[in-house]
Amino acid sequence: MQSPLEITETEQYWLRSRDVSESPTIGGDDYFSEHDVTRPKNVQSDDLPAADSEAVRKIDRDALEEQKTIGKWQITGSAERIDELWPDLVADAEAGTIWAVKAMTTFGYENLPMYDDYLLTVYTPNYFDRQDVFRVREHLREAHDVTHELYYKPDIYTAKGIVADTADEFGVSTPARHIE
């Protein structure tokens, strides 16, 4: 399996699990029934998770309206740690335990100045489904000994440009929905 650290000279910032595996379970439909997760197209306003502020609630409503329900746990670490976790997390995606994963490449690390560490992102298809979001976090902790603080960032935050320097503009204290 190709390591994300091998990618140094192309303009490839990320290596996705579907790029290194042909398994149909990665990002597949079976995940929804296997883990009892509501499909994004079926999410209703009653499915919105609890929010600690009106700003977060507004972002959630925008995500619902735009059907941007994907989110990801962000695992940071050294190149060696990311390289160690990568094949195991791809295997988890192939087994349907997690929905999908992507890893920052060496090219990405060297050319994305906002990151101080290498990054793996472990995706869930519906961030409104707190049970699944936290099931995945617990899997990372228990199966892969990921013990450091994790940030969970919905894709709507990325689409809106919510990062550390802009979080205040959106009325949020951090560019993450959960910090665990």
Protein backbone atom coordinates (compact mmCIF):
# COMPACT_ATOMS: atom_id res chain seq x y z
CA MET A 1 0.00 0.00 0.00
CA GLN A 2 1.30 3.42 -0.91
CA SER A 3 2.41 5.52 2.03
CA PRO A 4 1.40 9.19 2.08
CA LEU A 5 5.01 9.94 2.99
CA GLU A 6 6.16 8.66 -0.41
CA ILE A 7 4.37 11.52 -2.16
CA THR A 8 6.88 14.36 -2.17
CA GLU A 9 7.12 15.98 -5.59
CA THR A 10 3.66 16.08 -7.12
CA GLU A 11 0.89 18.53 -6.33
CA GLN A 12 -0.93 15.89 -4.31
CA TYR A 13 -1.66 17.26 -0.85
CA TRP A 14 -3.77 14.30 0.32
CA LEU A 15 -3.93 10.55 -0.18
CA ARG A 16 -7.44 9.12 0.17
CA SER A 17 -8.32 5.62 1.27
CA ARG A 18 -10.24 5.07 -1.97
CA ASP A 19 -6.99 5.91 -3.86
CA VAL A 20 -5.16 2.95 -2.33
CA SER A 21 -8.01 0.44 -2.09
CA GLU A 22 -10.67 -0.84 -4.42
CA SER A 23 -12.92 -1.92 -1.56
CA PRO A 24 -16.54 -0.88 -2.17
CA THR A 25 -17.05 -0.39 1.57
CA ILE A 26 -14.92 2.77 1.64
CA GLY A 27 -17.42 5.61 1.62
CA GLY A 28 -20.06 3.05 0.73
CA ASP A 29 -23.79 2.74 1.29
CA ASP A 30 -23.55 -0.27 3.60
CA TYR A 31 -22.07 1.97 6.29
CA PHE A 32 -25.44 3.66 6.85
CA SER A 33 -27.35 0.47 7.59
CA GLU A 34 -24.44 -1.21 9.38
CA HIS A 35 -24.13 1.66 11.88
CA ASP A 36 -27.74 2.93 11.78
CA VAL A 37 -26.72 6.33 10.40
CA THR A 38 -29.25 8.58 8.70
CA ARG A 39 -28.38 9.26 5.07
CA PRO A 40 -27.68 12.95 4.38
CA LYS A 41 -30.63 13.27 1.99
CA ASN A 42 -32.95 12.06 4.78
CA VAL A 43 -31.74 14.41 7.51
CA GLN A 44 -34.44 16.71 8.88
CA SER A 45 -34.25 19.79 11.09
CA ASP A 46 -35.28 17.60 14.05
CA ASP A 47 -32.00 15.70 13.53
CA LEU A 48 -29.84 18.76 14.25
CA PRO A 49 -27.54 18.06 17.20
CA ALA A 50 -27.60 20.17 20.34
CA ALA A 51 -25.66 23.41 19.90
CA ASP A 52 -24.03 25.55 22.56
CA SER A 53 -24.66 28.81 20.70
CA GLU A 54 -26.87 30.37 18.06
CA ALA A 55 -23.81 30.71 15.79
CA VAL A 56 -23.24 26.95 15.85
CA ARG A 57 -26.96 26.36 15.31
CA LYS A 58 -26.86 28.64 12.22
CA ILE A 59 -23.92 26.72 10.78
CA ASP A 60 -25.80 23.45 11.39
CA ARG A 61 -28.89 24.82 9.63
CA ASP A 62 -26.69 25.86 6.68
CA ALA A 63 -25.21 22.36 6.58
CA LEU A 64 -28.71 20.88 6.54
CA GLU A 65 -29.84 23.22 3.76
CA GLU A 66 -26.73 22.53 1.66
CA GLN A 67 -26.66 18.80 2.55
CA LYS A 68 -23.08 19.12 3.79
CA THR A 69 -23.24 16.61 6.60
CA ILE A 70 -19.81 14.98 6.26
CA GLY A 71 -17.34 15.63 9.06
CA LYS A 72 -14.00 14.30 10.21
CA TRP A 73 -11.89 13.62 13.25
CA GLN A 74 -8.46 15.17 12.78
CA ILE A 75 -5.53 13.13 14.03
CA THR A 76 -2.23 15.01 14.17
CA GLY A 77 1.18 13.55 14.69
CA SER A 78 4.66 12.94 13.45
CA ALA A 79 5.30 11.54 10.01
CA GLU A 80 6.17 8.19 11.57
CA ARG A 81 2.94 8.02 13.60
CA ILE A 82 0.79 8.93 10.60
CA ASP A 83 2.60 6.36 8.46
CA GLU A 84 1.99 3.74 11.17
CA LEU A 85 -1.74 4.53 11.46
CA TRP A 86 -2.46 4.89 7.73
CA PRO A 87 -2.65 1.20 6.70
CA ASP A 88 -4.64 0.31 9.83
CA LEU A 89 -7.20 3.04 9.18
CA VAL A 90 -7.49 2.07 5.52
CA ALA A 91 -8.16 -1.49 6.72
CA ASP A 92 -10.84 -0.10 9.07
CA ALA A 93 -12.46 1.69 6.11
CA GLU A 94 -12.30 -1.51 4.05
CA ALA A 95 -14.00 -3.37 6.93
CA GLY A 96 -16.67 -0.67 7.21
CA THR A 97 -15.70 0.25 10.78
CA ILE A 98 -15.03 3.81 9.65
CA TRP A 99 -16.48 5.47 6.58
CA ALA A 100 -13.26 6.77 4.97
CA VAL A 101 -9.86 8.26 5.79
CA LYS A 102 -7.34 10.51 4.10
CA ALA A 103 -3.75 11.36 4.96
CA MET A 104 -1.65 14.42 4.37
CA THR A 105 1.21 13.66 2.02
CA THR A 106 4.77 14.82 2.51
CA PHE A 107 4.16 17.26 -0.35
CA GLY A 108 1.09 18.56 1.50
CA TYR A 109 2.95 18.90 4.78
CA GLU A 110 5.74 20.85 3.12
CA ASN A 111 3.35 23.11 1.15
CA LEU A 112 0.44 23.77 3.54
CA PRO A 113 1.91 26.25 6.03
CA MET A 114 -1.12 26.17 8.36
CA TYR A 115 -0.17 22.71 9.66
CA ASP A 116 2.54 22.11 12.26
CA ASP A 117 2.05 18.33 12.24
CA TYR A 118 1.06 15.69 9.75
CA LEU A 119 -2.69 15.09 9.61
CA LEU A 120 -5.03 12.14 9.13
CA THR A 121 -8.74 12.81 8.76
CA VAL A 122 -11.22 10.08 9.66
CA TYR A 123 -14.60 10.76 8.07
CA THR A 124 -18.16 10.22 9.18
CA PRO A 125 -20.94 10.76 6.63
CA ASN A 126 -23.38 12.59 8.92
CA TYR A 127 -22.05 14.82 11.68
CA PHE A 128 -25.59 15.28 12.97
CA ASP A 129 -25.45 11.64 14.10
CA ARG A 130 -23.61 12.13 17.39
CA GLN A 131 -23.75 8.41 18.20
CA ASP A 132 -21.72 7.56 15.09
CA VAL A 133 -19.36 10.53 15.46
CA PHE A 134 -18.47 9.46 18.99
CA ARG A 135 -18.42 5.74 18.13
CA VAL A 136 -15.67 6.52 15.62
CA ARG A 137 -13.77 8.60 18.19
CA GLU A 138 -13.92 5.75 20.68
CA HIS A 139 -12.70 3.34 18.01
CA LEU A 140 -9.70 5.59 17.36
CA ARG A 141 -8.94 5.72 21.08
CA GLU A 142 -9.43 2.02 21.81
CA ALA A 143 -8.20 0.30 18.64
CA HIS A 144 -5.39 2.70 17.70
CA ASP A 145 -4.34 4.26 20.99
CA VAL A 146 -5.05 7.78 19.79
CA THR A 147 -4.97 9.51 23.15
CA HIS A 148 -4.27 13.15 22.34
CA GLU A 149 -6.95 15.80 21.97
CA LEU A 150 -8.94 15.40 18.76
CA TYR A 151 -10.82 18.01 16.78
CA TYR A 152 -13.96 17.12 14.87
CA LYS A 153 -14.57 19.47 11.95
CA PRO A 154 -17.69 19.29 9.78
CA ASP A 155 -17.08 19.93 6.08
CA ILE A 156 -19.44 22.92 6.26
CA TYR A 157 -16.79 24.62 8.42
CA THR A 158 -14.23 24.04 5.68
CA ALA A 159 -16.65 25.21 2.97
CA LYS A 160 -17.32 28.42 4.89
CA GLY A 161 -13.61 29.03 5.53
CA ILE A 162 -13.81 28.58 9.29
CA VAL A 163 -10.24 28.23 10.51
CA ALA A 164 -8.49 29.43 13.67
CA ASP A 165 -7.98 32.93 12.25
CA THR A 166 -11.60 33.33 11.11
CA ALA A 167 -13.58 31.50 13.82
CA ASP A 168 -14.50 34.77 15.58
CA GLU A 169 -16.02 36.12 12.37
CA PHE A 170 -18.49 33.21 12.45
CA GLY A 171 -19.20 33.57 16.15
CA VAL A 172 -17.49 30.34 17.16
CA SER A 173 -14.56 29.97 19.52
CA THR A 174 -12.80 27.23 17.57
CA PRO A 175 -12.87 25.84 14.03
CA ALA A 176 -14.24 22.51 15.26
CA ARG A 177 -17.66 21.19 16.28
CA HIS A 178 -16.15 18.94 18.98
CA ILE A 179 -12.86 18.90 20.86
CA GLU A 180 -12.39 15.66 22.73
